[in-house]
Amino acid sequence: MLLDASLKGYPFTAAPLPVEAIAAQGWHLLADDLPLPLAVIRQSALRHNLGWMRRHVAEAGIELAPHGKTTMSPELFAEQLRAGAWGLTFATVWQLRQGVAAGVPRALIANQVTQAADLRELARLRTAHPALRAPFLVDDPAQVALVEALHLPEPLEVLVELGLDGGRTGCRHHDAALALAQRVHASSALRLAGISTYEGLWASGDDAQDAAMVATLMQRVHDLAQACDAAGYFDTDEVLITAGGSAVFDLVSRALRPTLRRPVRGLLRSGCYLTHDDGFYRRLVQRVDHRLGCDGAGLRAALEVWAVVQSLPEPGLALLSVGKRDASADMGLPVPRWFSPAGSREVHPVPTSWHLSAMNDQHAYLRWEVASPVTLNIGDRIGLGISHPCTTFDKWRWMPLVDDAYAVIEAITTRF
């Protein structure tokens, strides 16, 4: 993919360049080489997170199938696969197409697939790539009937999904899930490959409450898997058991290997671990660190959005050149972390009183105590940590990777 000045954050006068040529340009975030706002990834934190999660799943005896929708970046998919991921998870067949084009060999579709166009495309992808595995979720006999009516050339792999009352998709009760597994097994259009669930939306940050929620949910998964195993409903040599958002993944990790008569592969789907954040996931993963006994040594925030102070209209208020079109605001506002005076490459932590009070499409409201010892000037640069990386990545078609001094050393692209 060629990068050029049609992309937000790319230098206005630079020639179009392939991704692999970015490192040789000698650009620096704080030398006015790139227009702001700009989302960047700190490479040192990214590398740390890749290694940390690799060790975590290895210690749990499971594997990682991280959610690709977080980044939708071919370059980051490749990094995750090189770090040992079993495959990637996607939410749609369209996303799966992007993953397959990027070389992803195995995938989960952590969603129901019901449209004829999607099902036909999934069948086509499997024909074009015979080694591709891409099971999707089922939670209703009507979905099975939809697949059967298409008379696809080969059966598709599926996972029966268990859900929670008041939550998203998934069978709510054991008997319904077991009956669905029997229906899938009896169908010539599908092959039952395992069981899936999702706990992330229910994480509270309260250790006891979260542990009880996960234990109850995963016991349901074990009960269903063992019942399907005893009845002979699984149609594959190994059974896939998968769960895992990015909030209480440590509690899920230890419960992805039920004892069955055939081999079990536990697959953790957490995706936000890769760049982590400074908001929603930071608060919850601090509890993960505490439970794992690695306080201060866990995941690190790697994704930042940098902007310029463009107006100082009243004491204690600066307007920044960044807004909802540039950084996520759906699970909390960005968090001021760094400032760099105009004309300098020095970076300083912001005072603790600095915070964003609001964001518009193209503006952010940075506020502080008027008595703060730090003085801001027009043109100063502010580095923001974000909350919820998924909805920041989809606002950018490329991002530089920077070293800890903010020199640009690589780049990634996205496919949203």
Protein backbone atom coordinates (compact mmCIF):
# COMPACT_ATOMS: atom_id res chain seq x y z
CA MET A 1 0.00 0.00 0.00
CA LEU A 2 1.32 3.44 -0.97
CA LEU A 3 1.00 6.16 1.65
CA ASP A 4 0.54 9.72 0.47
CA ALA A 5 -0.73 13.16 1.45
CA SER A 6 -4.35 12.12 0.93
CA LEU A 7 -4.03 10.38 4.31
CA LYS A 8 -4.50 12.33 7.52
CA GLY A 9 -1.19 12.88 9.30
CA TYR A 10 1.03 12.27 6.26
CA PRO A 11 3.48 15.11 5.42
CA PHE A 12 1.86 17.45 2.92
CA THR A 13 4.84 17.72 0.56
CA ALA A 14 6.26 14.21 0.88
CA ALA A 15 6.18 11.91 -2.13
CA PRO A 16 4.02 8.79 -1.99
CA LEU A 17 5.87 5.99 -0.23
CA PRO A 18 5.34 2.30 0.50
CA VAL A 19 5.03 1.42 4.17
CA GLU A 20 8.46 -0.20 4.26
CA ALA A 21 10.13 3.06 3.11
CA ILE A 22 8.83 5.20 5.98
CA ALA A 23 11.66 4.28 8.37
CA ALA A 24 14.30 5.70 5.98
CA GLN A 25 12.75 9.19 5.88
CA GLY A 26 14.15 10.31 9.23
CA TRP A 27 10.87 11.91 10.29
CA HIS A 28 10.34 13.00 13.89
CA LEU A 29 6.98 13.66 15.53
CA LEU A 30 8.30 16.70 17.45
CA ALA A 31 10.28 18.26 14.58
CA ASP A 32 7.18 19.41 12.67
CA ASP A 33 7.81 16.73 10.06
CA LEU A 34 4.24 15.44 10.31
CA PRO A 35 1.02 17.46 10.62
CA LEU A 36 -0.96 17.09 13.84
CA PRO A 37 -3.21 15.62 15.08
CA LEU A 38 -1.55 12.26 14.59
CA ALA A 39 -2.01 8.85 16.18
CA VAL A 40 1.26 7.04 16.89
CA ILE A 41 2.28 3.72 18.42
CA ARG A 42 5.23 3.48 20.77
CA GLN A 43 7.20 0.50 19.56
CA SER A 44 8.76 -0.36 22.92
CA ALA A 45 5.33 -0.73 24.57
CA LEU A 46 4.02 -2.71 21.60
CA ARG A 47 6.91 -5.17 21.82
CA HIS A 48 6.45 -5.47 25.58
CA ASN A 49 2.74 -6.28 25.21
CA LEU A 50 3.35 -8.91 22.53
CA GLY A 51 5.85 -10.70 24.76
CA TRP A 52 3.77 -10.33 27.91
CA MET A 53 0.67 -11.89 26.38
CA ARG A 54 2.69 -14.67 24.75
CA ARG A 55 4.00 -15.65 28.17
CA HIS A 56 0.56 -15.36 29.78
CA VAL A 57 -1.17 -17.77 27.40
CA ALA A 58 1.79 -20.18 27.51
CA GLU A 59 1.61 -20.31 31.30
CA ALA A 60 -2.15 -20.95 31.09
CA GLY A 61 -1.66 -23.80 28.59
CA ILE A 62 -3.82 -22.12 25.96
CA GLU A 63 -3.33 -20.16 22.75
CA LEU A 64 -4.15 -16.68 21.50
CA ALA A 65 -6.55 -15.77 18.70
CA PRO A 66 -6.62 -11.99 19.24
CA HIS A 67 -9.48 -9.95 17.89
CA GLY A 68 -8.31 -8.38 14.63
CA LYS A 69 -11.11 -5.80 14.65
CA THR A 70 -9.10 -3.87 17.24
CA THR A 71 -6.54 -2.73 14.68
CA MET A 72 -7.51 -4.17 11.27
CA SER A 73 -3.84 -3.73 10.43
CA PRO A 74 -2.01 -6.26 8.22
CA GLU A 75 1.32 -5.22 9.73
CA LEU A 76 0.08 -5.76 13.27
CA PHE A 77 -1.58 -9.06 12.32
CA ALA A 78 1.85 -10.20 11.15
CA GLU A 79 3.43 -9.10 14.43
CA GLN A 80 0.84 -11.07 16.41
CA LEU A 81 1.35 -14.19 14.31
CA ARG A 82 5.13 -13.90 14.64
CA ALA A 83 4.63 -13.67 18.40
CA GLY A 84 2.92 -17.07 18.34
CA ALA A 85 -0.80 -16.37 17.88
CA TRP A 86 -2.78 -19.42 16.68
CA GLY A 87 -4.71 -17.12 14.36
CA LEU A 88 -6.88 -14.01 14.49
CA THR A 89 -10.50 -13.37 15.45
CA PHE A 90 -12.84 -11.28 13.32
CA ALA A 91 -16.41 -10.07 13.68
CA THR A 92 -17.51 -10.25 10.03
CA VAL A 93 -16.74 -12.12 6.84
CA TRP A 94 -15.56 -8.84 5.30
CA GLN A 95 -12.98 -8.50 8.08
CA LEU A 96 -11.97 -12.12 7.55
CA ARG A 97 -11.32 -11.32 3.88
CA GLN A 98 -8.87 -8.62 4.90
CA GLY A 99 -7.16 -11.03 7.27
CA VAL A 100 -6.85 -13.78 4.66
CA ALA A 101 -5.42 -11.26 2.18
CA ALA A 102 -2.84 -10.35 4.84
CA GLY A 103 -1.82 -13.99 5.28
CA VAL A 104 -3.84 -15.01 8.34
CA PRO A 105 -3.95 -18.85 8.19
CA ARG A 106 -6.64 -19.53 10.81
CA ALA A 107 -9.41 -17.42 12.26
CA LEU A 108 -12.51 -17.33 14.38
CA ILE A 109 -15.57 -15.32 13.40
CA ALA A 110 -16.85 -14.38 16.85
CA ASN A 111 -20.29 -13.59 15.56
CA GLN A 112 -23.28 -15.17 13.89
CA VAL A 113 -23.09 -15.36 10.07
CA THR A 114 -26.60 -15.31 8.57
CA GLN A 115 -26.62 -13.46 5.24
CA ALA A 116 -26.43 -15.58 2.10
CA ALA A 117 -23.76 -13.33 0.57
CA ASP A 118 -21.54 -13.73 3.64
CA LEU A 119 -22.01 -17.49 3.81
CA ARG A 120 -21.25 -17.90 0.11
CA GLU A 121 -18.14 -15.74 0.46
CA LEU A 122 -16.97 -17.77 3.44
CA ALA A 123 -17.39 -20.94 1.39
CA ARG A 124 -15.48 -19.33 -1.50
CA LEU A 125 -12.62 -18.31 0.78
CA ARG A 126 -12.33 -21.84 2.11
CA THR A 127 -12.28 -23.22 -1.43
CA ALA A 128 -9.60 -20.73 -2.48
CA HIS A 129 -7.58 -21.39 0.68
CA PRO A 130 -8.02 -25.08 1.55
CA ALA A 131 -5.99 -24.84 4.76
CA LEU A 132 -8.10 -21.94 6.11
CA ARG A 133 -10.12 -22.57 9.27
CA ALA A 134 -12.76 -19.98 10.09
CA PRO A 135 -15.55 -21.31 12.33
CA PHE A 136 -18.36 -18.89 13.19
CA LEU A 137 -20.97 -18.82 15.96
CA VAL A 138 -24.47 -20.28 16.03
CA ASP A 139 -27.11 -19.74 18.69
CA ASP A 140 -30.42 -20.59 16.98
CA PRO A 141 -31.76 -23.51 14.92
CA ALA A 142 -33.11 -20.98 12.41
CA GLN A 143 -29.54 -20.02 11.61
CA VAL A 144 -28.75 -23.66 10.84
CA ALA A 145 -31.70 -23.78 8.46
CA LEU A 146 -30.45 -20.65 6.64
CA VAL A 147 -27.11 -22.32 5.97
CA GLU A 148 -28.72 -25.57 4.87
CA ALA A 149 -30.94 -23.75 2.36
CA LEU A 150 -27.87 -22.49 0.45
CA HIS A 151 -26.55 -25.97 -0.43
CA LEU A 152 -22.93 -24.86 -0.15
CA PRO A 153 -20.28 -27.16 -1.64
CA GLU A 154 -18.77 -28.20 1.71
CA PRO A 155 -19.90 -28.03 5.34
CA LEU A 156 -18.82 -25.01 7.37
CA GLU A 157 -17.36 -25.18 10.88
CA VAL A 158 -19.32 -23.57 13.72
CA LEU A 159 -19.15 -23.06 17.46
CA VAL A 160 -22.24 -23.12 19.65
CA GLU A 161 -22.32 -19.86 21.59
CA LEU A 162 -23.43 -19.49 25.20
CA GLY A 163 -24.64 -16.07 26.36
CA LEU A 164 -25.69 -14.27 29.51
CA ASP A 165 -29.18 -13.01 30.35
CA GLY A 166 -29.50 -9.40 29.27
CA GLY A 167 -26.30 -9.61 27.25
CA ARG A 168 -25.53 -10.01 23.59
CA THR A 169 -25.86 -13.10 21.42
CA GLY A 170 -25.65 -16.71 22.61
CA CYS A 171 -27.93 -19.44 23.92
CA ARG A 172 -29.20 -18.51 27.36
CA HIS A 173 -29.81 -22.02 28.72
CA HIS A 174 -27.97 -25.34 28.72
CA ASP A 175 -30.81 -27.42 27.30
CA ALA A 176 -31.31 -25.08 24.33
CA ALA A 177 -27.56 -25.04 23.64
CA LEU A 178 -27.32 -28.83 23.82
CA ALA A 179 -30.31 -29.24 21.50
CA LEU A 180 -28.68 -26.82 19.07
CA ALA A 181 -25.43 -28.80 19.19
CA GLN A 182 -27.41 -31.94 18.33
CA ARG A 183 -29.09 -30.08 15.44
CA VAL A 184 -25.71 -28.91 14.09
CA HIS A 185 -24.21 -32.39 14.37
CA ALA A 186 -27.11 -33.85 12.44
CA SER A 187 -26.76 -31.29 9.64
CA SER A 188 -24.78 -32.05 6.49
CA ALA A 189 -24.18 -28.30 6.04
CA LEU A 190 -22.26 -27.73 9.28
CA ARG A 191 -19.61 -29.30 11.50
CA LEU A 192 -19.57 -28.64 15.23
CA ALA A 193 -16.03 -27.59 16.21
CA GLY A 194 -16.49 -26.30 19.76
CA ILE A 195 -18.06 -23.88 22.21
CA SER A 196 -17.74 -20.09 22.50
CA THR A 197 -18.76 -17.45 25.03
CA TYR A 198 -17.98 -13.85 25.90
CA GLU A 199 -17.65 -12.30 29.34
CA GLY A 200 -16.13 -8.88 28.64
CA LEU A 201 -19.24 -6.71 28.84
CA TRP A 202 -19.88 -7.90 32.39
CA ALA A 203 -16.52 -6.95 33.92
CA SER A 204 -16.97 -4.62 36.90
CA GLY A 205 -13.49 -4.15 38.34
CA ASP A 206 -14.58 -5.83 41.57
CA ASP A 207 -12.39 -8.92 41.99
CA ALA A 208 -14.91 -11.04 43.86
CA GLN A 209 -17.82 -10.13 41.59
CA ASP A 210 -15.81 -10.68 38.40
CA ALA A 211 -14.41 -13.99 39.63
CA ALA A 212 -17.90 -15.25 40.47
CA MET A 213 -19.31 -14.13 37.11
CA VAL A 214 -16.52 -15.79 35.12
CA ALA A 215 -16.61 -18.98 37.21
CA THR A 216 -20.36 -19.37 36.67
CA LEU A 217 -20.15 -18.69 32.95
CA MET A 218 -17.17 -20.97 32.34
CA GLN A 219 -18.80 -23.78 34.35
CA ARG A 220 -21.69 -23.55 31.90
CA VAL A 221 -19.18 -23.85 29.06
CA HIS A 222 -17.58 -26.92 30.68
CA ASP A 223 -20.96 -28.54 31.30
CA LEU A 224 -22.03 -28.01 27.70
CA ALA A 225 -18.72 -29.19 26.25
CA GLN A 226 -18.78 -32.33 28.35
CA ALA A 227 -22.39 -33.06 27.44
CA CYS A 228 -21.63 -32.61 23.72
CA ASP A 229 -18.54 -34.79 24.08
CA ALA A 230 -20.46 -37.56 25.82
CA ALA A 231 -23.18 -37.47 23.16
CA GLY A 232 -20.66 -37.51 20.30
CA TYR A 233 -21.81 -34.19 18.84
CA PHE A 234 -18.36 -32.74 18.09
CA ASP A 235 -17.35 -33.29 14.47
CA THR A 236 -13.66 -32.36 14.60
CA ASP A 237 -10.54 -34.09 15.90
CA GLU A 238 -10.00 -31.34 18.47
CA VAL A 239 -12.52 -29.18 20.29
CA LEU A 240 -12.13 -25.39 20.29
CA ILE A 241 -13.14 -23.64 23.52
CA THR A 242 -12.95 -19.87 23.21
CA ALA A 243 -13.75 -16.74 25.20
CA GLY A 244 -11.96 -13.66 26.33
CA GLY A 245 -12.45 -9.93 26.10
CA SER A 246 -9.70 -7.60 27.22
CA ALA A 247 -10.96 -6.83 30.72
CA VAL A 248 -10.84 -10.03 32.83
CA PHE A 249 -8.93 -12.31 30.49
CA ASP A 250 -6.81 -13.72 33.32
CA LEU A 251 -9.91 -15.26 34.92
CA VAL A 252 -11.02 -16.75 31.61
CA SER A 253 -7.57 -18.07 30.66
CA ARG A 254 -7.50 -20.62 33.45
CA ALA A 255 -10.89 -22.07 32.42
CA LEU A 256 -10.46 -22.72 28.68
CA ARG A 257 -9.37 -26.36 28.96
CA PRO A 258 -12.28 -28.57 30.11
CA THR A 259 -11.49 -32.27 30.41
CA LEU A 260 -12.93 -34.09 27.39
CA ARG A 261 -12.34 -37.40 25.65
CA ARG A 262 -10.67 -35.68 22.71
CA PRO A 263 -8.00 -32.93 22.56
CA VAL A 264 -9.06 -29.41 23.55
CA ARG A 265 -7.56 -26.18 22.23
CA GLY A 266 -8.34 -23.17 24.42
CA LEU A 267 -8.34 -19.91 22.45
CA LEU A 268 -8.26 -16.50 24.16
CA ARG A 269 -9.68 -13.73 21.96
CA SER A 270 -8.44 -10.61 23.77
CA GLY A 271 -7.45 -7.95 21.23
CA CYS A 272 -6.90 -4.66 23.06
CA TYR A 273 -3.85 -6.05 24.89
CA LEU A 274 -1.72 -5.16 21.85
CA THR A 275 -1.72 -1.41 22.42
CA HIS A 276 -3.67 -1.36 25.70
CA ASP A 277 -4.90 2.12 26.75
CA ASP A 278 -4.84 4.82 29.42
CA GLY A 279 -8.52 4.71 30.32
CA PHE A 280 -11.13 1.95 30.46
CA TYR A 281 -8.82 -1.04 30.02
CA ARG A 282 -6.08 0.44 32.15
CA ARG A 283 -8.48 0.62 35.11
CA LEU A 284 -9.65 -2.97 34.69
CA VAL A 285 -6.27 -4.48 33.80
CA GLN A 286 -4.77 -2.96 36.94
CA ARG A 287 -6.93 -5.55 38.72
CA VAL A 288 -5.59 -8.24 36.36
CA ASP A 289 -2.04 -7.22 37.28
CA HIS A 290 -2.90 -7.41 40.96
CA ARG A 291 -4.47 -10.86 40.62
CA LEU A 292 -1.45 -12.10 38.67
CA GLY A 293 1.03 -10.53 41.10
CA CYS A 294 2.68 -8.38 38.44
CA ASP A 295 1.66 -4.88 39.58
CA GLY A 296 3.50 -2.31 37.48
CA ALA A 297 4.93 -4.93 35.10
CA GLY A 298 1.82 -5.76 33.06
CA LEU A 299 0.51 -4.31 29.83
CA ARG A 300 1.62 -0.83 28.75
CA ALA A 301 -0.23 1.86 26.83
CA ALA A 302 1.31 2.05 23.35
CA LEU A 303 -1.24 4.16 21.45
CA GLU A 304 -1.16 7.96 21.71
CA VAL A 305 -2.76 10.81 19.77
CA TRP A 306 -0.78 14.04 19.58
CA ALA A 307 -2.30 17.47 18.99
CA VAL A 308 -1.40 21.16 19.07
CA VAL A 309 -2.58 23.88 21.45
CA GLN A 310 -4.47 26.14 19.05
CA SER A 311 -6.31 28.51 21.37
CA LEU A 312 -6.07 29.75 24.99
CA PRO A 313 -9.37 31.61 25.24
CA GLU A 314 -9.60 31.86 29.04
CA PRO A 315 -7.57 30.97 32.14
CA GLY A 316 -7.33 27.25 32.73
CA LEU A 317 -8.55 26.26 29.27
CA ALA A 318 -6.73 25.26 26.09
CA LEU A 319 -8.37 24.11 22.88
CA LEU A 320 -6.49 21.29 21.20
CA SER A 321 -6.52 20.43 17.49
CA VAL A 322 -8.00 16.96 18.05
CA GLY A 323 -11.53 15.68 18.29
CA LYS A 324 -13.88 12.74 17.99
CA ARG A 325 -12.77 12.25 14.39
CA ASP A 326 -9.26 11.49 15.67
CA ALA A 327 -9.56 9.73 19.04
CA SER A 328 -12.11 7.52 20.76
CA ALA A 329 -14.60 9.01 23.21
CA ASP A 330 -17.12 6.14 23.46
CA MET A 331 -15.63 4.64 26.65
CA GLY A 332 -14.13 7.73 28.25
CA LEU A 333 -12.31 10.82 27.04
CA PRO A 334 -8.62 10.76 26.17
CA VAL A 335 -6.15 11.34 28.99
CA PRO A 336 -3.44 14.04 28.79
CA ARG A 337 -0.08 12.35 29.37
CA TRP A 338 2.68 14.45 27.80
CA PHE A 339 3.46 17.94 26.62
CA SER A 340 6.25 19.22 24.45
CA PRO A 341 6.91 22.97 24.06
CA ALA A 342 6.74 24.36 20.54
CA GLY A 343 10.11 24.19 18.83
CA SER A 344 11.47 21.58 21.26
CA ARG A 345 11.87 17.83 21.16
CA GLU A 346 11.69 17.57 24.93
CA VAL A 347 8.74 15.66 26.37
CA HIS A 348 7.44 16.19 29.91
CA PRO A 349 4.70 14.46 31.94
CA VAL A 350 1.64 16.64 32.39
CA PRO A 351 0.56 17.80 35.86
CA THR A 352 -2.01 15.53 37.47
CA SER A 353 -4.69 18.25 37.42
CA TRP A 354 -4.78 18.37 33.60
CA HIS A 355 -7.80 16.69 32.07
CA LEU A 356 -10.12 16.84 29.08
CA SER A 357 -13.61 18.03 29.89
CA ALA A 358 -15.17 17.58 26.46
CA MET A 359 -14.51 16.80 22.81
CA ASN A 360 -16.21 18.05 19.64
CA ASP A 361 -15.65 16.77 16.12
CA GLN A 362 -12.35 18.66 15.76
CA HIS A 363 -11.63 20.16 19.20
CA ALA A 364 -10.70 18.94 22.67
CA TYR A 365 -11.07 21.03 25.84
CA LEU A 366 -7.97 20.73 28.02
CA ARG A 367 -8.50 22.15 31.51
CA TRP A 368 -6.23 22.64 34.53
CA GLU A 369 -6.06 24.48 37.80
CA VAL A 370 -5.26 28.10 37.13
CA ALA A 371 -2.49 27.98 39.74
CA SER A 372 -0.69 25.18 37.84
CA PRO A 373 3.07 25.82 37.64
CA VAL A 374 3.17 24.79 33.96
CA THR A 375 2.38 27.46 31.39
CA LEU A 376 1.03 26.48 27.99
CA ASN A 377 1.55 28.47 24.81
CA ILE A 378 -0.01 28.41 21.38
CA GLY A 379 1.77 25.78 19.33
CA ASP A 380 2.76 23.51 22.23
CA ARG A 381 2.14 19.82 21.60
CA ILE A 382 0.04 17.56 23.85
CA GLY A 383 0.22 13.78 23.83
CA LEU A 384 -3.05 12.07 24.76
CA GLY A 385 -3.49 8.53 25.97
CA ILE A 386 -6.76 7.03 24.77
CA SER A 387 -9.55 4.94 26.23
CA HIS A 388 -10.67 1.99 24.07
CA PRO A 389 -8.18 1.48 21.23
CA CYS A 390 -10.70 -0.12 18.83
CA THR A 391 -12.48 3.15 18.11
CA THR A 392 -9.26 5.11 17.70
CA PHE A 393 -7.71 2.75 15.16
CA ASP A 394 -10.71 3.04 12.86
CA LYS A 395 -10.13 6.79 12.55
CA TRP A 396 -6.72 6.37 10.88
CA ARG A 397 -5.55 4.75 7.65
CA TRP A 398 -1.93 4.75 8.76
CA MET A 399 0.05 5.30 11.96
CA PRO A 400 3.76 5.81 12.50
CA LEU A 401 5.57 3.61 15.00
CA VAL A 402 7.92 5.76 17.09
CA ASP A 403 10.77 5.11 19.47
CA ASP A 404 10.72 6.52 22.99
CA ALA A 405 12.15 9.82 21.72
CA TYR A 406 9.34 9.99 19.09
CA ALA A 407 11.50 9.40 16.04
CA VAL A 408 9.50 7.58 13.34
CA ILE A 409 10.98 4.11 12.86
CA GLU A 410 8.17 2.17 11.12
CA ALA A 411 4.55 2.50 10.04
CA ILE A 412 1.38 0.44 9.95
CA THR A 413 -1.76 0.68 7.82
CA THR A 414 -5.37 -0.19 8.59
CA ARG A 415 -8.19 -1.74 6.54
CA PHE A 416 -11.45 -0.36 7.91
